[in-house]
């Protein structure tokens, strides 16, 4: 997540990225200082969650009206690139988009597009509440991958949270129980896992790249393969469908800006737990638009997954206070 407290916080923090990157929630970055205003940061975070829920609901609705995942991804990335460009122009300027790590951005783009595509597909195949709840397992997979791939030291608190989180996911999915479609459950878990891989790619880029640069090039570069695919997958849709696609892209871009603002005004440890309200927005939209009610297993398993994520967040915050007492806000 982006932070503006000082120039020191404009890079990835290796131990907090897994907590920060949930589903499609990579905000922008700025080096401009901002005063602390915790209530405003919390409000911005809540509205960011609403915007994300509306985006996913738009993807699901559009799919029911003949729009494929690749089409939705293309319009979504248009929104991302526009939001990133708008943010950069209004803060650090276009020169901040220069990069020497083209290969790293291409790799991050490839992983990110796959992760986002799986997230979109999960929202299409599952009720919004179930897909959102499983998506909360991203910090759990990120912690696991950080230990296995990057060799980061992981203590008993984080391993305990990983185990607890997987138990919560199993409660939600109920393998073999017919509670939710097996394909949808596997896609949702795959989406969480690939999103966690994307955090590793972002982390490596963060050694030299500002987050705004990473977000912009992710959105802009992904338009190339998605644009090449569009002639083969794009359909002719009624005006209402295109309006929903435009609203979906706008909601996604707005979410990026709101996420950015939330971390400019309040520390990550305060605003991150607000993300779990997304389950409420997803449940409400699922009921209002798709007449889908969350099951009792979702209500049982989601708090377990949320608790695991909060344990990881709490532990990483404690570790950062010990090693970086000057770090007020954390950046991914």
C-alpha atoms as a PDB file:
ATOM      1  CA  UNK A   1       0.000   0.000   0.000  1.00  0.00           C
ATOM      2  CA  UNK A   2       1.187   3.474  -0.651  1.00  0.00           C
ATOM      3  CA  UNK A   3       2.351   5.823   2.033  1.00  0.00           C
ATOM      4  CA  UNK A   4       3.419   9.433   1.954  1.00  0.00           C
ATOM      5  CA  UNK A   5       5.001  10.024   5.341  1.00  0.00           C
ATOM      6  CA  UNK A   6       8.539  10.206   3.928  1.00  0.00           C
ATOM      7  CA  UNK A   7      10.684   9.241   0.984  1.00  0.00           C
ATOM      8  CA  UNK A   8      11.796   6.207   2.959  1.00  0.00           C
ATOM      9  CA  UNK A   9       8.342   4.657   2.701  1.00  0.00           C
ATOM     10  CA  UNK A  10       8.003   4.766  -1.097  1.00  0.00           C
ATOM     11  CA  UNK A  11       9.383   1.263  -1.537  1.00  0.00           C
ATOM     12  CA  UNK A  12       8.119  -2.221  -0.810  1.00  0.00           C
ATOM     13  CA  UNK A  13       8.286  -3.418   2.757  1.00  0.00           C
ATOM     14  CA  UNK A  14       9.111  -7.100   2.439  1.00  0.00           C
ATOM     15  CA  UNK A  15       7.161  -8.269   5.438  1.00  0.00           C
ATOM     16  CA  UNK A  16       3.913  -6.408   4.976  1.00  0.00           C
ATOM     17  CA  UNK A  17       3.215  -6.804   1.273  1.00  0.00           C
ATOM     18  CA  UNK A  18       1.355 -10.070   1.688  1.00  0.00           C
ATOM     19  CA  UNK A  19      -1.056  -8.431   4.112  1.00  0.00           C
ATOM     20  CA  UNK A  20      -1.509  -5.428   1.885  1.00  0.00           C
ATOM     21  CA  UNK A  21      -2.221  -7.061  -1.457  1.00  0.00           C
ATOM     22  CA  UNK A  22      -5.727  -8.556  -1.379  1.00  0.00           C
ATOM     23  CA  UNK A  23      -7.299  -9.682  -4.708  1.00  0.00           C
ATOM     24  CA  UNK A  24      -6.962  -6.588  -6.833  1.00  0.00           C
ATOM     25  CA  UNK A  25      -5.983  -3.918  -4.329  1.00  0.00           C
ATOM     26  CA  UNK A  26      -2.657  -2.380  -5.345  1.00  0.00           C
ATOM     27  CA  UNK A  27      -2.753   1.374  -4.687  1.00  0.00           C
ATOM     28  CA  UNK A  28      -0.446   4.063  -5.960  1.00  0.00           C
ATOM     29  CA  UNK A  29       2.466   5.823  -4.323  1.00  0.00           C
ATOM     30  CA  UNK A  30       3.618   9.358  -3.728  1.00  0.00           C
ATOM     31  CA  UNK A  31       6.566  10.929  -1.967  1.00  0.00           C
ATOM     32  CA  UNK A  32       4.607  14.032  -1.033  1.00  0.00           C
ATOM     33  CA  UNK A  33       4.099  14.432   2.720  1.00  0.00           C
ATOM     34  CA  UNK A  34       0.553  14.427   4.042  1.00  0.00           C
ATOM     35  CA  UNK A  35      -0.794  15.224   7.481  1.00  0.00           C
ATOM     36  CA  UNK A  36      -2.212  12.388   9.535  1.00  0.00           C
ATOM     37  CA  UNK A  37      -6.010  12.353   9.526  1.00  0.00           C
ATOM     38  CA  UNK A  38      -7.053   8.918  10.731  1.00  0.00           C
ATOM     39  CA  UNK A  39     -10.865   9.304  10.441  1.00  0.00           C
ATOM     40  CA  UNK A  40     -10.519  10.520   6.853  1.00  0.00           C
ATOM     41  CA  UNK A  41      -8.199   7.627   6.024  1.00  0.00           C
ATOM     42  CA  UNK A  42     -10.678   5.121   7.420  1.00  0.00           C
ATOM     43  CA  UNK A  43     -13.583   6.680   5.481  1.00  0.00           C
ATOM     44  CA  UNK A  44     -11.583   6.631   2.243  1.00  0.00           C
ATOM     45  CA  UNK A  45     -10.745   2.975   2.837  1.00  0.00           C
ATOM     46  CA  UNK A  46     -14.385   2.085   3.354  1.00  0.00           C
ATOM     47  CA  UNK A  47     -15.374   3.835   0.133  1.00  0.00           C
ATOM     48  CA  UNK A  48     -12.539   2.063  -1.660  1.00  0.00           C
ATOM     49  CA  UNK A  49     -14.043  -1.245  -0.548  1.00  0.00           C
ATOM     50  CA  UNK A  50     -17.446  -0.172  -1.859  1.00  0.00           C
ATOM     51  CA  UNK A  51     -15.891   0.788  -5.200  1.00  0.00           C
ATOM     52  CA  UNK A  52     -14.167  -2.599  -5.445  1.00  0.00           C
ATOM     53  CA  UNK A  53     -17.385  -4.423  -4.588  1.00  0.00           C
ATOM     54  CA  UNK A  54     -19.206  -2.457  -7.295  1.00  0.00           C
ATOM     55  CA  UNK A  55     -16.453  -3.315  -9.764  1.00  0.00           C
ATOM     56  CA  UNK A  56     -16.729  -7.045  -9.059  1.00  0.00           C
ATOM     57  CA  UNK A  57     -20.529  -6.870  -9.180  1.00  0.00           C
ATOM     58  CA  UNK A  58     -20.218  -5.145 -12.565  1.00  0.00           C
ATOM     59  CA  UNK A  59     -17.955  -7.939 -13.810  1.00  0.00           C
ATOM     60  CA  UNK A  60     -20.444 -10.577 -12.659  1.00  0.00           C
ATOM     61  CA  UNK A  61     -23.443  -8.757 -14.156  1.00  0.00           C
ATOM     62  CA  UNK A  62     -21.641  -8.176 -17.448  1.00  0.00           C
ATOM     63  CA  UNK A  63     -20.713 -11.864 -17.643  1.00  0.00           C
ATOM     64  CA  UNK A  64     -24.374 -12.762 -17.329  1.00  0.00           C
ATOM     65  CA  UNK A  65     -25.022 -10.526 -20.343  1.00  0.00           C
ATOM     66  CA  UNK A  66     -22.410 -11.994 -22.667  1.00  0.00           C
ATOM     67  CA  UNK A  67     -19.204 -10.213 -21.671  1.00  0.00           C
ATOM     68  CA  UNK A  68     -16.164 -12.464 -21.332  1.00  0.00           C
ATOM     69  CA  UNK A  69     -13.405 -12.208 -18.759  1.00  0.00           C
ATOM     70  CA  UNK A  70     -10.849 -10.844 -21.256  1.00  0.00           C
ATOM     71  CA  UNK A  71     -13.223  -8.051 -22.257  1.00  0.00           C
ATOM     72  CA  UNK A  72     -13.802  -7.100 -18.642  1.00  0.00           C
ATOM     73  CA  UNK A  73     -10.058  -7.188 -17.978  1.00  0.00           C
ATOM     74  CA  UNK A  74      -9.391  -4.849 -20.891  1.00  0.00           C
ATOM     75  CA  UNK A  75     -11.852  -2.222 -19.705  1.00  0.00           C
ATOM     76  CA  UNK A  76     -10.718  -2.639 -16.112  1.00  0.00           C
ATOM     77  CA  UNK A  77      -7.104  -2.020 -17.071  1.00  0.00           C
ATOM     78  CA  UNK A  78      -8.103   1.073 -19.008  1.00  0.00           C
ATOM     79  CA  UNK A  79      -9.468   2.373 -15.718  1.00  0.00           C
ATOM     80  CA  UNK A  80      -6.289   1.414 -13.873  1.00  0.00           C
ATOM     81  CA  UNK A  81      -3.983   3.118 -16.379  1.00  0.00           C
ATOM     82  CA  UNK A  82      -6.142   6.246 -16.397  1.00  0.00           C
ATOM     83  CA  UNK A  83      -6.245   6.446 -12.592  1.00  0.00           C
ATOM     84  CA  UNK A  84      -2.478   5.923 -12.330  1.00  0.00           C
ATOM     85  CA  UNK A  85      -1.758   8.538 -14.985  1.00  0.00           C
ATOM     86  CA  UNK A  86      -4.105  11.033 -13.333  1.00  0.00           C
ATOM     87  CA  UNK A  87      -2.482  10.450  -9.966  1.00  0.00           C
ATOM     88  CA  UNK A  88       1.080  10.760 -11.260  1.00  0.00           C
ATOM     89  CA  UNK A  89       0.355  13.928 -13.247  1.00  0.00           C
ATOM     90  CA  UNK A  90      -1.175  15.560 -10.173  1.00  0.00           C
ATOM     91  CA  UNK A  91       1.674  14.557  -7.835  1.00  0.00           C
ATOM     92  CA  UNK A  92       5.187  13.516  -8.893  1.00  0.00           C
ATOM     93  CA  UNK A  93       4.932  14.226 -12.634  1.00  0.00           C
ATOM     94  CA  UNK A  94       5.371  12.098 -15.745  1.00  0.00           C
ATOM     95  CA  UNK A  95       9.142  11.859 -15.305  1.00  0.00           C
ATOM     96  CA  UNK A  96       8.548   9.540 -12.332  1.00  0.00           C
ATOM     97  CA  UNK A  97       7.282   6.892 -14.766  1.00  0.00           C
ATOM     98  CA  UNK A  98      10.741   6.307 -16.224  1.00  0.00           C
ATOM     99  CA  UNK A  99      12.022   2.792 -15.594  1.00  0.00           C
ATOM    100  CA  UNK A 100      15.021   0.633 -16.433  1.00  0.00           C
ATOM    101  CA  UNK A 101      13.341  -2.602 -15.317  1.00  0.00           C
ATOM    102  CA  UNK A 102      11.200  -3.376 -18.337  1.00  0.00           C
ATOM    103  CA  UNK A 103      11.579  -7.129 -17.875  1.00  0.00           C
ATOM    104  CA  UNK A 104      10.444  -6.954 -14.267  1.00  0.00           C
ATOM    105  CA  UNK A 105       7.359  -4.976 -15.229  1.00  0.00           C
ATOM    106  CA  UNK A 106       6.521  -7.437 -18.010  1.00  0.00           C
ATOM    107  CA  UNK A 107       6.780 -10.350 -15.570  1.00  0.00           C
ATOM    108  CA  UNK A 108       4.633  -8.535 -13.010  1.00  0.00           C
ATOM    109  CA  UNK A 109       2.102  -7.752 -15.752  1.00  0.00           C
ATOM    110  CA  UNK A 110       1.858 -11.383 -16.843  1.00  0.00           C
ATOM    111  CA  UNK A 111       1.324 -12.668 -13.324  1.00  0.00           C
ATOM    112  CA  UNK A 112      -1.026  -9.814 -12.475  1.00  0.00           C
ATOM    113  CA  UNK A 113      -3.258 -10.333 -15.501  1.00  0.00           C
ATOM    114  CA  UNK A 114      -3.587 -14.042 -14.710  1.00  0.00           C
ATOM    115  CA  UNK A 115      -4.375 -13.245 -11.075  1.00  0.00           C
ATOM    116  CA  UNK A 116      -6.955 -10.628 -11.972  1.00  0.00           C
ATOM    117  CA  UNK A 117      -8.513 -12.888 -14.570  1.00  0.00           C
ATOM    118  CA  UNK A 118      -8.903 -15.666 -12.000  1.00  0.00           C
ATOM    119  CA  UNK A 119     -10.377 -13.181  -9.505  1.00  0.00           C
ATOM    120  CA  UNK A 120     -12.901 -12.045 -12.090  1.00  0.00           C
ATOM    121  CA  UNK A 121     -13.737 -15.646 -12.981  1.00  0.00           C
ATOM    122  CA  UNK A 122     -14.173 -16.512  -9.298  1.00  0.00           C
ATOM    123  CA  UNK A 123     -16.661 -13.670  -8.920  1.00  0.00           C
ATOM    124  CA  UNK A 124     -18.538 -14.978 -11.948  1.00  0.00           C
ATOM    125  CA  UNK A 125     -18.630 -18.621 -10.849  1.00  0.00           C
ATOM    126  CA  UNK A 126     -19.355 -18.048  -7.148  1.00  0.00           C
ATOM    127  CA  UNK A 127     -21.667 -15.816  -5.152  1.00  0.00           C
ATOM    128  CA  UNK A 128     -19.924 -12.506  -4.436  1.00  0.00           C
ATOM    129  CA  UNK A 129     -19.753 -13.150  -0.689  1.00  0.00           C
ATOM    130  CA  UNK A 130     -18.103 -16.558  -1.037  1.00  0.00           C
ATOM    131  CA  UNK A 131     -15.559 -15.344  -3.599  1.00  0.00           C
ATOM    132  CA  UNK A 132     -14.747 -12.306  -1.439  1.00  0.00           C
ATOM    133  CA  UNK A 133     -14.323 -14.420   1.695  1.00  0.00           C
ATOM    134  CA  UNK A 134     -11.930 -16.830  -0.029  1.00  0.00           C
ATOM    135  CA  UNK A 135     -10.041 -13.808  -1.369  1.00  0.00           C
ATOM    136  CA  UNK A 136      -9.204 -12.852   2.204  1.00  0.00           C
ATOM    137  CA  UNK A 137      -6.729 -15.758   2.168  1.00  0.00           C
ATOM    138  CA  UNK A 138      -4.234 -13.787   0.040  1.00  0.00           C
ATOM    139  CA  UNK A 139      -2.145 -12.701   3.079  1.00  0.00           C
ATOM    140  CA  UNK A 140      -1.964 -16.353   4.128  1.00  0.00           C
ATOM    141  CA  UNK A 141      -0.624 -17.499   0.753  1.00  0.00           C
ATOM    142  CA  UNK A 142       1.709 -14.485   0.648  1.00  0.00           C
ATOM    143  CA  UNK A 143       3.204 -15.388   4.010  1.00  0.00           C
ATOM    144  CA  UNK A 144       3.702 -18.973   2.859  1.00  0.00           C
ATOM    145  CA  UNK A 145       5.327 -17.936  -0.423  1.00  0.00           C
ATOM    146  CA  UNK A 146       7.557 -15.372   1.286  1.00  0.00           C
ATOM    147  CA  UNK A 147       8.958 -18.190   3.404  1.00  0.00           C
ATOM    148  CA  UNK A 148       9.280 -20.748   0.594  1.00  0.00           C
ATOM    149  CA  UNK A 149      10.291 -18.523  -2.326  1.00  0.00           C
ATOM    150  CA  UNK A 150      12.109 -15.613  -0.705  1.00  0.00           C
ATOM    151  CA  UNK A 151      13.424 -17.508   2.311  1.00  0.00           C
ATOM    152  CA  UNK A 152      11.966 -15.003   4.782  1.00  0.00           C
ATOM    153  CA  UNK A 153      12.043 -16.038   8.408  1.00  0.00           C
ATOM    154  CA  UNK A 154       8.581 -17.022   9.566  1.00  0.00           C
ATOM    155  CA  UNK A 155       7.899 -17.618  13.245  1.00  0.00           C
ATOM    156  CA  UNK A 156       5.258 -19.575  15.077  1.00  0.00           C
ATOM    157  CA  UNK A 157       2.768 -16.705  15.045  1.00  0.00           C
ATOM    158  CA  UNK A 158       2.697 -16.466  11.280  1.00  0.00           C
ATOM    159  CA  UNK A 159       2.769 -20.238  10.730  1.00  0.00           C
ATOM    160  CA  UNK A 160      -0.084 -20.544  13.194  1.00  0.00           C
ATOM    161  CA  UNK A 161      -2.020 -17.884  11.298  1.00  0.00           C
ATOM    162  CA  UNK A 162      -1.375 -19.714   8.004  1.00  0.00           C
ATOM    163  CA  UNK A 163      -2.782 -22.952   9.423  1.00  0.00           C
ATOM    164  CA  UNK A 164      -5.757 -21.130  10.942  1.00  0.00           C
ATOM    165  CA  UNK A 165      -6.460 -19.379   7.649  1.00  0.00           C
ATOM    166  CA  UNK A 166      -6.420 -22.606   5.658  1.00  0.00           C
ATOM    167  CA  UNK A 167      -8.880 -24.122   8.114  1.00  0.00           C
ATOM    168  CA  UNK A 168     -11.166 -21.151   7.531  1.00  0.00           C
ATOM    169  CA  UNK A 169     -10.922 -21.569   3.758  1.00  0.00           C
ATOM    170  CA  UNK A 170     -11.794 -25.271   4.072  1.00  0.00           C
ATOM    171  CA  UNK A 171     -14.847 -24.347   6.159  1.00  0.00           C
ATOM    172  CA  UNK A 172     -16.024 -21.976   3.427  1.00  0.00           C
ATOM    173  CA  UNK A 173     -15.306 -24.266   0.485  1.00  0.00           C
ATOM    174  CA  UNK A 174     -16.449 -27.519   2.147  1.00  0.00           C
ATOM    175  CA  UNK A 175     -14.561 -29.842  -0.271  1.00  0.00           C
ATOM    176  CA  UNK A 176     -16.819 -32.619  -1.485  1.00  0.00           C
ATOM    177  CA  UNK A 177     -19.832 -31.229   0.345  1.00  0.00           C
ATOM    178  CA  UNK A 178     -21.524 -29.640  -2.650  1.00  0.00           C
ATOM    179  CA  UNK A 179     -21.817 -26.360  -0.729  1.00  0.00           C
ATOM    180  CA  UNK A 180     -20.328 -24.406  -3.629  1.00  0.00           C
ATOM    181  CA  UNK A 181     -19.306 -25.495  -7.110  1.00  0.00           C
ATOM    182  CA  UNK A 182     -15.978 -27.307  -6.992  1.00  0.00           C
ATOM    183  CA  UNK A 183     -14.727 -25.455 -10.070  1.00  0.00           C
ATOM    184  CA  UNK A 184     -15.591 -22.090  -8.551  1.00  0.00           C
ATOM    185  CA  UNK A 185     -13.883 -22.962  -5.284  1.00  0.00           C
ATOM    186  CA  UNK A 186     -10.704 -24.075  -7.046  1.00  0.00           C
ATOM    187  CA  UNK A 187     -10.674 -20.949  -9.203  1.00  0.00           C
ATOM    188  CA  UNK A 188     -11.080 -18.722  -6.127  1.00  0.00           C
ATOM    189  CA  UNK A 189      -8.212 -20.473  -4.334  1.00  0.00           C
ATOM    190  CA  UNK A 190      -6.117 -20.234  -7.507  1.00  0.00           C
ATOM    191  CA  UNK A 191      -6.918 -16.529  -7.666  1.00  0.00           C
ATOM    192  CA  UNK A 192      -5.697 -16.015  -4.106  1.00  0.00           C
ATOM    193  CA  UNK A 193      -2.540 -18.014  -4.806  1.00  0.00           C
ATOM    194  CA  UNK A 194      -1.640 -16.174  -8.022  1.00  0.00           C
ATOM    195  CA  UNK A 195      -2.381 -12.838  -6.345  1.00  0.00           C
ATOM    196  CA  UNK A 196       0.133 -13.860  -3.694  1.00  0.00           C
ATOM    197  CA  UNK A 197       2.663 -14.629  -6.457  1.00  0.00           C
ATOM    198  CA  UNK A 198       1.981 -11.154  -7.839  1.00  0.00           C
ATOM    199  CA  UNK A 199       2.961  -9.691  -4.467  1.00  0.00           C
ATOM    200  CA  UNK A 200       6.348 -11.405  -4.778  1.00  0.00           C
ATOM    201  CA  UNK A 201       6.879  -9.832  -8.209  1.00  0.00           C
ATOM    202  CA  UNK A 202       5.818  -6.433  -6.857  1.00  0.00           C
ATOM    203  CA  UNK A 203       8.150  -6.845  -3.908  1.00  0.00           C
ATOM    204  CA  UNK A 204      11.143  -7.392  -6.165  1.00  0.00           C
ATOM    205  CA  UNK A 205      10.237  -4.392  -8.310  1.00  0.00           C
ATOM    206  CA  UNK A 206       9.905  -2.322  -5.163  1.00  0.00           C
ATOM    207  CA  UNK A 207      13.649  -2.459  -4.573  1.00  0.00           C
ATOM    208  CA  UNK A 208      14.042   0.249  -7.231  1.00  0.00           C
ATOM    209  CA  UNK A 209      10.565   1.293  -8.383  1.00  0.00           C
ATOM    210  CA  UNK A 210       7.985   3.584  -6.811  1.00  0.00           C
ATOM    211  CA  UNK A 211       4.564   2.011  -6.482  1.00  0.00           C
ATOM    212  CA  UNK A 212       2.974   4.552  -8.838  1.00  0.00           C
ATOM    213  CA  UNK A 213       5.429   3.482 -11.544  1.00  0.00           C
ATOM    214  CA  UNK A 214       4.623  -0.194 -10.987  1.00  0.00           C
ATOM    215  CA  UNK A 215       0.862   0.389 -11.062  1.00  0.00           C
ATOM    216  CA  UNK A 216       0.965   2.543 -14.182  1.00  0.00           C
ATOM    217  CA  UNK A 217       3.085   0.132 -16.194  1.00  0.00           C
ATOM    218  CA  UNK A 218       0.955  -2.789 -15.025  1.00  0.00           C
ATOM    219  CA  UNK A 219      -2.170  -1.096 -16.341  1.00  0.00           C
ATOM    220  CA  UNK A 220      -0.611   0.297 -19.514  1.00  0.00           C
ATOM    221  CA  UNK A 221       1.453  -2.745 -20.532  1.00  0.00           C
ATOM    222  CA  UNK A 222      -1.421  -5.174 -19.955  1.00  0.00           C
ATOM    223  CA  UNK A 223      -3.474  -3.284 -22.532  1.00  0.00           C
ATOM    224  CA  UNK A 224      -1.132  -4.609 -25.238  1.00  0.00           C
ATOM    225  CA  UNK A 225      -1.905  -8.360 -24.925  1.00  0.00           C
ATOM    226  CA  UNK A 226      -5.489  -7.672 -23.904  1.00  0.00           C
ATOM    227  CA  UNK A 227      -5.919  -5.282 -26.839  1.00  0.00           C
ATOM    228  CA  UNK A 228      -4.528  -7.893 -29.250  1.00  0.00           C
ATOM    229  CA  UNK A 229      -7.054 -10.399 -27.912  1.00  0.00           C
ATOM    230  CA  UNK A 230     -10.017  -8.025 -28.086  1.00  0.00           C
ATOM    231  CA  UNK A 231     -10.802  -8.512 -31.833  1.00  0.00           C
ATOM    232  CA  UNK A 232     -11.287 -12.218 -31.111  1.00  0.00           C
ATOM    233  CA  UNK A 233     -13.342 -11.919 -27.931  1.00  0.00           C
ATOM    234  CA  UNK A 234     -15.091  -8.552 -28.031  1.00  0.00           C
ATOM    235  CA  UNK A 235     -18.778  -8.641 -28.709  1.00  0.00           C
ATOM    236  CA  UNK A 236     -21.426  -6.184 -29.802  1.00  0.00           C
ATOM    237  CA  UNK A 237     -23.410  -5.335 -26.704  1.00  0.00           C
ATOM    238  CA  UNK A 238     -26.425  -3.192 -25.929  1.00  0.00           C
ATOM    239  CA  UNK A 239     -25.719   0.334 -24.629  1.00  0.00           C
ATOM    240  CA  UNK A 240     -26.641  -0.709 -21.090  1.00  0.00           C
ATOM    241  CA  UNK A 241     -23.914  -3.385 -21.065  1.00  0.00           C
ATOM    242  CA  UNK A 242     -21.289  -0.917 -22.272  1.00  0.00           C
ATOM    243  CA  UNK A 243     -22.490   1.517 -19.608  1.00  0.00           C
ATOM    244  CA  UNK A 244     -21.963  -1.142 -16.943  1.00  0.00           C
ATOM    245  CA  UNK A 245     -18.489  -1.902 -18.324  1.00  0.00           C
ATOM    246  CA  UNK A 246     -17.654   1.786 -18.194  1.00  0.00           C
ATOM    247  CA  UNK A 247     -18.937   1.992 -14.636  1.00  0.00           C
ATOM    248  CA  UNK A 248     -16.903  -1.071 -13.712  1.00  0.00           C
ATOM    249  CA  UNK A 249     -13.711   0.468 -15.104  1.00  0.00           C
ATOM    250  CA  UNK A 250     -14.496   3.775 -13.390  1.00  0.00           C
ATOM    251  CA  UNK A 251     -15.120   2.004 -10.071  1.00  0.00           C
ATOM    252  CA  UNK A 252     -11.805   0.169 -10.368  1.00  0.00           C
ATOM    253  CA  UNK A 253      -9.886   3.349 -11.119  1.00  0.00           C
ATOM    254  CA  UNK A 254     -11.659   5.223  -8.327  1.00  0.00           C
ATOM    255  CA  UNK A 255     -10.794   2.422  -5.917  1.00  0.00           C
ATOM    256  CA  UNK A 256      -7.102   2.895  -6.763  1.00  0.00           C
ATOM    257  CA  UNK A 257      -7.258   6.585  -5.893  1.00  0.00           C
ATOM    258  CA  UNK A 258      -9.239   5.974  -2.691  1.00  0.00           C
ATOM    259  CA  UNK A 259      -6.804   3.283  -1.569  1.00  0.00           C
ATOM    260  CA  UNK A 260      -3.975   5.710  -2.168  1.00  0.00           C
ATOM    261  CA  UNK A 261      -5.663   8.448  -0.177  1.00  0.00           C
ATOM    262  CA  UNK A 262      -6.456   6.158   2.731  1.00  0.00           C
ATOM    263  CA  UNK A 263      -2.790   5.349   3.274  1.00  0.00           C
ATOM    264  CA  UNK A 264      -1.683   8.942   2.879  1.00  0.00           C
ATOM    265  CA  UNK A 265      -3.829   9.959   5.834  1.00  0.00           C
ATOM    266  CA  UNK A 266      -3.708   6.955   8.188  1.00  0.00           C
ATOM    267  CA  UNK A 267      -1.274   4.126   9.029  1.00  0.00           C
ATOM    268  CA  UNK A 268      -1.715   0.757   7.349  1.00  0.00           C
ATOM    269  CA  UNK A 269      -2.383  -1.019  10.665  1.00  0.00           C
ATOM    270  CA  UNK A 270      -5.483   1.124  11.150  1.00  0.00           C
ATOM    271  CA  UNK A 271      -6.963   1.105   7.665  1.00  0.00           C
ATOM    272  CA  UNK A 272      -6.188  -2.469   6.574  1.00  0.00           C
ATOM    273  CA  UNK A 273      -8.786  -4.095   8.875  1.00  0.00           C
ATOM    274  CA  UNK A 274     -11.406  -1.924   7.157  1.00  0.00           C
ATOM    275  CA  UNK A 275     -10.990  -4.155   4.094  1.00  0.00           C
ATOM    276  CA  UNK A 276     -12.915  -6.901   5.843  1.00  0.00           C
ATOM    277  CA  UNK A 277     -16.036  -4.757   5.528  1.00  0.00           C
ATOM    278  CA  UNK A 278     -15.861  -5.732   1.853  1.00  0.00           C
ATOM    279  CA  UNK A 279     -17.630  -8.953   2.800  1.00  0.00           C
ATOM    280  CA  UNK A 280     -20.609  -6.862   3.879  1.00  0.00           C
ATOM    281  CA  UNK A 281     -20.693  -4.903   0.610  1.00  0.00           C
ATOM    282  CA  UNK A 282     -20.321  -8.112  -1.412  1.00  0.00           C
ATOM    283  CA  UNK A 283     -23.129  -9.769   0.543  1.00  0.00           C
ATOM    284  CA  UNK A 284     -25.454  -6.785   0.070  1.00  0.00           C
ATOM    285  CA  UNK A 285     -24.767  -6.521  -3.657  1.00  0.00           C
ATOM    286  CA  UNK A 286     -25.121 -10.272  -4.025  1.00  0.00           C
ATOM    287  CA  UNK A 287     -28.557 -10.132  -2.434  1.00  0.00           C
ATOM    288  CA  UNK A 288     -29.761  -6.977  -4.214  1.00  0.00           C
ATOM    289  CA  UNK A 289     -28.503  -7.719  -7.728  1.00  0.00           C
ATOM    290  CA  UNK A 290     -28.179 -11.497  -7.941  1.00  0.00           C
ATOM    291  CA  UNK A 291     -30.536 -12.732  -5.194  1.00  0.00           C
ATOM    292  CA  UNK A 292     -27.682 -14.726  -3.646  1.00  0.00           C
ATOM    293  CA  UNK A 293     -27.519 -15.141   0.117  1.00  0.00           C
ATOM    294  CA  UNK A 294     -24.248 -16.050   1.880  1.00  0.00           C
ATOM    295  CA  UNK A 295     -24.376 -19.565   3.274  1.00  0.00           C
ATOM    296  CA  UNK A 296     -23.921 -20.501   6.916  1.00  0.00           C
ATOM    297  CA  UNK A 297     -20.515 -21.977   6.046  1.00  0.00           C
ATOM    298  CA  UNK A 298     -19.378 -18.601   4.741  1.00  0.00           C
ATOM    299  CA  UNK A 299     -20.484 -16.954   7.979  1.00  0.00           C
ATOM    300  CA  UNK A 300     -18.605 -19.667   9.901  1.00  0.00           C
ATOM    301  CA  UNK A 301     -15.384 -19.683   7.882  1.00  0.00           C
ATOM    302  CA  UNK A 302     -14.961 -16.012   7.001  1.00  0.00           C
ATOM    303  CA  UNK A 303     -14.280 -14.875  10.598  1.00  0.00           C
ATOM    304  CA  UNK A 304     -11.572 -17.563  10.863  1.00  0.00           C
ATOM    305  CA  UNK A 305      -9.847 -16.349   7.672  1.00  0.00           C
ATOM    306  CA  UNK A 306     -10.210 -12.727   8.803  1.00  0.00           C
ATOM    307  CA  UNK A 307      -8.729 -13.571  12.211  1.00  0.00           C
ATOM    308  CA  UNK A 308      -5.728 -15.201  10.516  1.00  0.00           C
ATOM    309  CA  UNK A 309      -5.162 -12.107   8.392  1.00  0.00           C
ATOM    310  CA  UNK A 310      -5.394  -9.835  11.413  1.00  0.00           C
ATOM    311  CA  UNK A 311      -2.882 -11.979  13.310  1.00  0.00           C
ATOM    312  CA  UNK A 312      -0.448 -11.682  10.409  1.00  0.00           C
ATOM    313  CA  UNK A 313      -1.017  -7.912  10.222  1.00  0.00           C
ATOM    314  CA  UNK A 314      -0.548  -7.506  13.983  1.00  0.00           C
ATOM    315  CA  UNK A 315       2.629  -9.584  13.977  1.00  0.00           C
ATOM    316  CA  UNK A 316       4.173  -7.743  11.036  1.00  0.00           C
ATOM    317  CA  UNK A 317       3.349  -4.417  12.654  1.00  0.00           C
ATOM    318  CA  UNK A 318       5.074  -5.491  15.859  1.00  0.00           C
ATOM    319  CA  UNK A 319       8.149  -6.641  13.944  1.00  0.00           C
ATOM    320  CA  UNK A 320       8.340  -3.383  12.005  1.00  0.00           C
ATOM    321  CA  UNK A 321       8.082  -1.346  15.191  1.00  0.00           C
ATOM    322  CA  UNK A 322      11.111  -3.222  16.517  1.00  0.00           C
ATOM    323  CA  UNK A 323      13.241  -2.930  13.397  1.00  0.00           C
ATOM    324  CA  UNK A 324      12.014   0.384  11.994  1.00  0.00           C
ATOM    325  CA  UNK A 325      10.746   2.593  14.844  1.00  0.00           C
ATOM    326  CA  UNK A 326      10.708   5.569  12.483  1.00  0.00           C
ATOM    327  CA  UNK A 327       8.369   3.839  10.012  1.00  0.00           C
ATOM    328  CA  UNK A 328       4.967   5.437  10.503  1.00  0.00           C
ATOM    329  CA  UNK A 329       3.335   4.105   7.355  1.00  0.00           C
ATOM    330  CA  UNK A 330       4.183   0.973   5.402  1.00  0.00           C
ATOM    331  CA  UNK A 331       4.478   0.752   1.669  1.00  0.00           C
ATOM    332  CA  UNK A 332       4.060  -2.074  -0.786  1.00  0.00           C
END
